[in-house]
């Protein structure tokens, strides 16, 4: 009886319950990124990624011939080589201009030796950039940033700052970040050039400046509220209205997606992995000369040192001998008398 009563109560409760229809859930970009970052079973790397990894390991040795080696590379592979060069502290103006391609959409040169000349060259080649990172670039000034902003009209994400000198450069670029209209005189609006009507970062939306001062932040929020400074990504977007692009995530490097399939050991060290310790640990092959025993190497080192110092020691011995003779003539009475007698005999012979 009790079972029948409980069953009837459960049936009535389910009839009252109204289930919402199935809805298609679309995860936000940040949630998707967190899911991708979760530990997963590693997949085998692509063959082209393995080949680029080998090039990256020996990038220091082939850097002088990089223009010939990368001549036939597609743009995406050149961008990977650029990311590896940045991580190995080899990125400079020459490497940047050698690898630059017009189809690039993002550029990460943070912490490199890039100067204004490199930015000017890249601004004329890569005019379709929508994201760039120049943080911790001590040799970049407002002149180079001005060229990037003027030539790259689709720039949406800009990363800067990272040091006292870099923060000073960013403060000098405040007027460049804010779009403004130019006063142009013409007989008809049809004769106006659209590129000369306005100036500044017209499409800039996200500015990543870690240690921005309060005055600069207030100026940007007052005069150009469209630019969001240091966005704080959340699963529902920024303030529930704007979805923050992955390029504007401060904790993720701008070129992280480019080198995802490359072995991190490629840039783990600034020197080639084949060090002397590793070579000595390997058994010598038939073509390699076997290493001498430690005692023999020590004996040869001592012999080489003695041979190198022998002329200097002989010279010091001659100098000491002459110094001793002079002191003897100066301090000894017998030596003085002998010297005076010799001088007197010479004088008498001359007379």
Protein backbone atom coordinates (compact mmCIF):
# COMPACT_ATOMS: atom_id res chain seq x y z
CA UNK A 1 0.00 0.00 0.00
CA UNK A 2 2.83 2.37 0.90
CA UNK A 3 4.64 1.50 -2.33
CA UNK A 4 1.56 2.28 -4.40
CA UNK A 5 1.13 5.61 -2.62
CA UNK A 6 4.77 6.61 -3.13
CA UNK A 7 4.59 5.63 -6.80
CA UNK A 8 1.48 7.74 -7.37
CA UNK A 9 3.12 10.74 -5.63
CA UNK A 10 6.21 10.42 -7.84
CA UNK A 11 4.06 10.23 -10.97
CA UNK A 12 2.14 13.35 -10.04
CA UNK A 13 5.37 15.22 -9.25
CA UNK A 14 6.87 14.34 -12.63
CA UNK A 15 3.72 15.48 -14.40
CA UNK A 16 3.99 18.88 -12.76
CA UNK A 17 7.68 19.23 -13.60
CA UNK A 18 8.24 21.14 -16.88
CA UNK A 19 11.50 20.33 -18.58
CA UNK A 20 13.00 23.01 -20.79
CA UNK A 21 13.67 22.03 -24.41
CA UNK A 22 17.21 21.06 -25.35
CA UNK A 23 19.36 24.03 -26.12
CA UNK A 24 22.54 24.01 -28.13
CA UNK A 25 25.31 25.20 -25.85
CA UNK A 26 28.22 27.00 -27.47
CA UNK A 27 31.21 27.36 -25.15
CA UNK A 28 32.93 30.73 -25.01
CA UNK A 29 36.42 31.16 -26.46
CA UNK A 30 37.97 31.17 -22.98
CA UNK A 31 36.23 27.93 -21.99
CA UNK A 32 37.30 26.35 -25.24
CA UNK A 33 40.88 27.45 -24.58
CA UNK A 34 40.75 25.98 -21.05
CA UNK A 35 39.44 22.71 -22.45
CA UNK A 36 42.27 22.63 -24.97
CA UNK A 37 44.80 23.31 -22.21
CA UNK A 38 43.51 20.38 -20.12
CA UNK A 39 45.94 17.44 -20.00
CA UNK A 40 45.26 15.20 -22.96
CA UNK A 41 46.96 12.27 -24.54
CA UNK A 42 49.79 13.66 -26.69
CA UNK A 43 49.28 13.23 -30.40
CA UNK A 44 52.09 12.43 -32.82
CA UNK A 45 53.58 15.57 -34.30
CA UNK A 46 53.34 16.34 -37.98
CA UNK A 47 56.31 15.63 -40.19
CA UNK A 48 56.62 19.27 -41.21
CA UNK A 49 56.66 20.28 -37.51
CA UNK A 50 59.47 17.84 -36.83
CA UNK A 51 61.46 19.27 -39.75
CA UNK A 52 60.94 22.85 -38.59
CA UNK A 53 61.97 21.75 -35.09
CA UNK A 54 65.28 20.47 -36.45
CA UNK A 55 65.83 23.80 -38.22
CA UNK A 56 65.03 25.62 -34.99
CA UNK A 57 67.54 23.58 -32.98
CA UNK A 58 70.38 24.64 -35.27
CA UNK A 59 69.07 28.12 -36.04
CA UNK A 60 72.20 29.78 -34.63
CA UNK A 61 74.39 27.95 -37.12
CA UNK A 62 72.23 28.65 -40.19
CA UNK A 63 71.12 32.18 -39.30
CA UNK A 64 73.51 33.70 -41.85
CA UNK A 65 72.02 31.60 -44.66
CA UNK A 66 68.41 31.91 -43.51
CA UNK A 67 67.34 33.89 -46.58
CA UNK A 68 68.43 31.08 -48.92
CA UNK A 69 67.05 28.29 -46.72
CA UNK A 70 63.61 29.86 -46.20
CA UNK A 71 63.17 31.10 -49.77
CA UNK A 72 60.76 28.28 -50.63
CA UNK A 73 58.94 28.16 -47.29
CA UNK A 74 55.21 29.01 -47.20
CA UNK A 75 54.21 32.01 -45.05
CA UNK A 76 52.95 29.93 -42.12
CA UNK A 77 56.26 28.06 -41.82
CA UNK A 78 58.21 31.32 -41.93
CA UNK A 79 56.07 32.57 -39.07
CA UNK A 80 56.96 29.45 -37.05
CA UNK A 81 60.68 30.04 -37.71
CA UNK A 82 60.20 33.65 -36.57
CA UNK A 83 58.56 32.48 -33.33
CA UNK A 84 61.43 30.05 -32.67
CA UNK A 85 64.01 32.78 -33.37
CA UNK A 86 62.27 35.05 -30.86
CA UNK A 87 62.35 32.37 -28.18
CA UNK A 88 66.03 31.65 -28.85
CA UNK A 89 66.93 35.37 -28.57
CA UNK A 90 67.98 35.51 -32.23
CA UNK A 91 65.30 37.85 -33.59
CA UNK A 92 66.57 41.14 -35.02
CA UNK A 93 65.78 43.45 -37.95
CA UNK A 94 67.60 41.30 -40.49
CA UNK A 95 65.82 38.07 -39.52
CA UNK A 96 62.46 39.84 -39.41
CA UNK A 97 62.74 41.38 -42.89
CA UNK A 98 64.08 38.09 -44.29
CA UNK A 99 61.05 36.10 -43.12
CA UNK A 100 58.32 38.76 -43.53
CA UNK A 101 55.29 37.84 -45.64
CA UNK A 102 52.35 40.07 -46.70
CA UNK A 103 49.78 37.44 -45.64
CA UNK A 104 50.73 37.49 -41.96
CA UNK A 105 47.88 38.45 -39.63
CA UNK A 106 49.78 38.63 -36.34
CA UNK A 107 53.32 39.47 -35.33
CA UNK A 108 55.03 38.77 -32.00
CA UNK A 109 58.46 40.40 -31.59
CA UNK A 110 58.32 40.82 -27.81
CA UNK A 111 61.62 40.78 -25.94
CA UNK A 112 63.69 40.93 -29.14
CA UNK A 113 66.33 43.27 -30.57
CA UNK A 114 63.94 44.81 -33.11
CA UNK A 115 64.46 48.52 -33.80
CA UNK A 116 62.45 51.22 -35.56
CA UNK A 117 64.06 50.27 -38.88
CA UNK A 118 62.66 46.76 -38.58
CA UNK A 119 59.17 48.03 -37.77
CA UNK A 120 59.26 50.45 -40.69
CA UNK A 121 60.24 47.62 -43.06
CA UNK A 122 57.62 45.24 -41.69
CA UNK A 123 54.89 47.89 -41.86
CA UNK A 124 55.41 48.16 -45.62
CA UNK A 125 55.28 44.39 -46.11
CA UNK A 126 52.71 43.13 -43.60
CA UNK A 127 49.88 45.60 -44.03
CA UNK A 128 47.19 43.09 -42.99
CA UNK A 129 48.28 42.71 -39.38
CA UNK A 130 45.44 42.64 -36.85
CA UNK A 131 47.54 41.88 -33.75
CA UNK A 132 51.11 42.82 -32.80
CA UNK A 133 53.22 42.49 -29.66
CA UNK A 134 56.21 44.82 -29.18
CA UNK A 135 56.42 44.52 -25.39
CA UNK A 136 59.90 44.50 -23.83
CA UNK A 137 61.46 45.85 -27.05
CA UNK A 138 63.90 48.40 -25.64
CA UNK A 139 65.06 49.66 -29.06
CA UNK A 140 61.59 50.63 -30.35
CA UNK A 141 60.46 54.26 -30.14
CA UNK A 142 57.30 56.14 -31.01
CA UNK A 143 58.54 56.62 -34.58
CA UNK A 144 58.42 52.89 -35.29
CA UNK A 145 55.01 52.50 -33.63
CA UNK A 146 53.69 55.37 -35.74
CA UNK A 147 54.64 53.55 -38.95
CA UNK A 148 52.90 50.36 -37.81
CA UNK A 149 49.70 52.18 -36.89
CA UNK A 150 49.65 54.24 -40.11
CA UNK A 151 50.28 51.30 -42.46
CA UNK A 152 48.32 48.52 -40.70
CA UNK A 153 44.74 49.80 -40.90
CA UNK A 154 43.24 46.53 -39.59
CA UNK A 155 45.18 46.52 -36.31
CA UNK A 156 42.85 45.49 -33.46
CA UNK A 157 45.15 44.13 -30.73
CA UNK A 158 48.27 46.00 -29.61
CA UNK A 159 50.63 44.81 -26.85
CA UNK A 160 53.25 47.17 -25.43
CA UNK A 161 55.07 48.11 -22.21
CA UNK A 162 57.01 45.64 -20.12
CA UNK A 163 59.81 47.90 -18.85
CA UNK A 164 60.58 51.52 -17.89
CA UNK A 165 61.78 52.47 -21.35
CA UNK A 166 58.94 50.57 -23.05
CA UNK A 167 56.37 52.25 -20.78
CA UNK A 168 57.81 55.64 -21.72
CA UNK A 169 57.46 54.77 -25.42
CA UNK A 170 53.85 53.69 -24.86
CA UNK A 171 53.03 56.98 -23.12
CA UNK A 172 54.45 58.89 -26.08
CA UNK A 173 52.17 56.89 -28.38
CA UNK A 174 48.91 57.89 -26.67
CA UNK A 175 48.12 60.40 -29.39
CA UNK A 176 48.66 57.67 -32.00
CA UNK A 177 46.25 55.25 -30.33
CA UNK A 178 43.39 57.76 -30.46
CA UNK A 179 41.79 58.15 -33.94
CA UNK A 180 41.19 61.69 -35.11
CA UNK A 181 39.79 63.51 -38.14
CA UNK A 182 41.97 65.67 -40.35
CA UNK A 183 40.93 69.00 -41.82
CA UNK A 184 41.05 68.68 -45.61
CA UNK A 185 39.95 71.23 -48.19
CA UNK A 186 38.45 69.98 -51.45
CA UNK A 187 35.81 71.10 -53.94
CA UNK A 188 33.76 67.92 -53.56
CA UNK A 189 33.63 65.00 -51.12
CA UNK A 190 34.08 62.66 -54.08
CA UNK A 191 37.60 63.99 -54.59
CA UNK A 192 38.69 63.18 -51.03
CA UNK A 193 41.03 60.31 -50.34
CA UNK A 194 39.61 58.11 -47.57
CA UNK A 195 43.07 57.38 -46.20
CA UNK A 196 43.74 61.09 -45.61
CA UNK A 197 40.44 61.88 -43.88
CA UNK A 198 41.40 60.30 -40.57
CA UNK A 199 44.58 59.23 -38.79
CA UNK A 200 45.52 57.19 -35.77
CA UNK A 201 44.56 53.65 -34.79
CA UNK A 202 41.07 53.60 -36.25
CA UNK A 203 40.44 49.87 -35.75
CA UNK A 204 42.32 49.41 -32.45
CA UNK A 205 40.07 47.75 -29.88
CA UNK A 206 42.26 45.95 -27.35
CA UNK A 207 45.35 47.51 -25.72
CA UNK A 208 47.50 45.31 -23.47
CA UNK A 209 49.74 47.51 -21.34
CA UNK A 210 50.52 45.67 -18.06
CA UNK A 211 51.80 48.59 -15.94
CA UNK A 212 49.85 51.47 -17.43
CA UNK A 213 49.83 54.60 -15.33
CA UNK A 214 46.55 56.06 -14.10
CA UNK A 215 46.86 59.25 -16.17
CA UNK A 216 47.25 57.36 -19.45
CA UNK A 217 44.42 55.01 -18.55
CA UNK A 218 42.16 57.94 -17.71
CA UNK A 219 42.99 59.70 -20.99
CA UNK A 220 42.16 56.61 -23.04
CA UNK A 221 38.93 55.88 -21.18
CA UNK A 222 37.79 59.51 -21.52
CA UNK A 223 38.83 60.39 -25.06
CA UNK A 224 38.58 56.93 -26.65
CA UNK A 225 36.35 54.57 -24.66
CA UNK A 226 36.23 52.15 -27.60
CA UNK A 227 39.77 50.98 -26.72
CA UNK A 228 39.61 48.47 -23.86
CA UNK A 229 42.81 48.50 -21.80
CA UNK A 230 44.01 45.25 -20.23
CA UNK A 231 40.83 43.22 -20.73
CA UNK A 232 39.99 40.61 -18.12
CA UNK A 233 38.61 37.65 -20.09
CA UNK A 234 35.76 35.72 -18.50
CA UNK A 235 33.63 32.77 -19.68
CA UNK A 236 30.74 35.13 -20.55
CA UNK A 237 32.87 37.71 -22.32
CA UNK A 238 33.96 41.19 -21.31
CA UNK A 239 31.23 42.87 -19.25
CA UNK A 240 28.80 40.43 -20.83
CA UNK A 241 28.84 42.33 -24.13
CA UNK A 242 32.19 41.89 -25.89
CA UNK A 243 33.96 38.63 -26.53
CA UNK A 244 37.65 39.00 -25.92
CA UNK A 245 39.71 37.50 -28.78
CA UNK A 246 42.35 34.96 -27.96
CA UNK A 247 45.03 37.43 -29.12
CA UNK A 248 44.03 39.76 -26.24
CA UNK A 249 44.50 37.18 -23.48
CA UNK A 250 47.39 38.61 -21.41
CA UNK A 251 48.53 35.26 -20.02
CA UNK A 252 48.86 33.63 -23.46
CA UNK A 253 51.74 34.62 -25.80
CA UNK A 254 50.56 36.07 -29.06
CA UNK A 255 52.32 33.41 -31.14
CA UNK A 256 51.34 30.50 -28.87
CA UNK A 257 48.99 28.96 -31.43
CA UNK A 258 51.71 29.06 -34.08
CA UNK A 259 54.17 26.82 -32.22
CA UNK A 260 51.69 24.46 -30.57
CA UNK A 261 52.88 21.51 -32.68
CA UNK A 262 56.59 22.28 -32.20
CA UNK A 263 58.61 20.48 -29.53
CA UNK A 264 59.36 23.00 -26.72
CA UNK A 265 62.85 21.55 -26.43
CA UNK A 266 63.60 23.34 -29.70
CA UNK A 267 63.99 26.66 -27.85
CA UNK A 268 64.66 25.36 -24.34
CA UNK A 269 68.36 26.31 -24.65
CA UNK A 270 70.15 29.14 -26.43
CA UNK A 271 72.95 26.81 -27.49
CA UNK A 272 72.75 23.72 -29.69
CA UNK A 273 71.79 20.64 -27.66
CA UNK A 274 74.89 18.73 -28.78
CA UNK A 275 77.18 19.95 -25.99
CA UNK A 276 80.60 18.65 -25.07
CA UNK A 277 79.22 16.72 -22.09
CA UNK A 278 76.70 14.91 -24.27
CA UNK A 279 79.30 14.15 -26.90
CA UNK A 280 81.71 12.75 -24.31
CA UNK A 281 78.95 10.61 -22.82
CA UNK A 282 78.30 8.94 -26.16
CA UNK A 283 80.52 6.01 -27.15
CA UNK A 284 83.06 7.07 -29.81
CA UNK A 285 82.34 5.83 -33.29
CA UNK A 286 84.88 4.30 -35.61
CA UNK A 287 85.39 7.61 -37.45
CA UNK A 288 85.95 9.69 -34.31
CA UNK A 289 89.35 10.02 -32.62
CA UNK A 290 89.21 8.50 -29.11
CA UNK A 291 89.84 10.86 -26.21
CA UNK A 292 93.24 10.67 -24.46
CA UNK A 293 93.42 9.58 -20.83
CA UNK A 294 93.22 12.30 -18.22
CA UNK A 295 96.86 11.87 -17.08
CA UNK A 296 98.17 12.18 -20.63
CA UNK A 297 96.09 15.29 -21.28
CA UNK A 298 97.44 16.83 -18.05
CA UNK A 299 101.04 16.03 -19.03
CA UNK A 300 100.56 17.59 -22.47
CA UNK A 301 98.99 20.68 -20.91
CA UNK A 302 101.97 21.13 -18.53
CA UNK A 303 104.45 20.60 -21.37
CA UNK A 304 102.66 23.16 -23.53
CA UNK A 305 102.72 25.65 -20.68
CA UNK A 306 106.45 25.15 -20.08
CA UNK A 307 107.19 25.60 -23.78
CA UNK A 308 105.12 28.78 -23.88
CA UNK A 309 106.77 30.31 -20.80
CA UNK A 310 110.39 29.31 -21.61
CA UNK A 311 111.31 32.51 -23.59
CA UNK A 312 109.85 34.74 -20.90
CA UNK A 313 111.73 32.93 -18.16
CA UNK A 314 115.05 33.23 -20.07
CA UNK A 315 114.49 36.96 -20.52
CA UNK A 316 113.76 37.39 -16.80
CA UNK A 317 116.97 35.46 -15.95
CA UNK A 318 119.09 37.79 -18.12
CA UNK A 319 117.50 40.86 -16.56
CA UNK A 320 118.13 39.56 -13.05
CA UNK A 321 121.77 38.83 -13.91
CA UNK A 322 122.37 42.36 -15.22
CA UNK A 323 120.61 43.84 -12.19
CA UNK A 324 122.82 41.80 -9.85
CA UNK A 325 125.99 42.96 -11.66
CA UNK A 326 124.95 46.60 -11.35
CA UNK A 327 124.23 46.24 -7.64
CA UNK A 328 127.61 44.51 -7.12
CA UNK A 329 129.46 47.34 -8.85
CA UNK A 330 127.55 49.90 -6.84
CA UNK A 331 127.91 48.39 -3.36
CA UNK A 332 131.24 46.48 -3.41
CA UNK A 333 134.50 48.42 -2.63
CA UNK A 334 136.64 45.88 -4.42
CA UNK A 335 134.53 46.14 -7.54
CA UNK A 336 134.75 49.93 -7.43
CA UNK A 337 138.54 49.82 -7.06
CA UNK A 338 138.89 47.37 -9.94
CA UNK A 339 136.66 49.57 -12.13
CA UNK A 340 138.64 52.71 -11.23
CA UNK A 341 141.94 50.92 -11.90
CA UNK A 342 140.71 49.86 -15.31
CA UNK A 343 139.66 53.40 -16.15
CA UNK A 344 143.05 54.73 -15.00
CA UNK A 345 144.98 52.24 -17.13
CA UNK A 346 142.94 53.22 -20.19
CA UNK A 347 143.62 56.89 -19.49
CA UNK A 348 147.38 56.26 -19.22
CA UNK A 349 147.43 54.32 -22.48
CA UNK A 350 145.70 57.11 -24.28
CA UNK A 351 148.29 59.61 -23.06
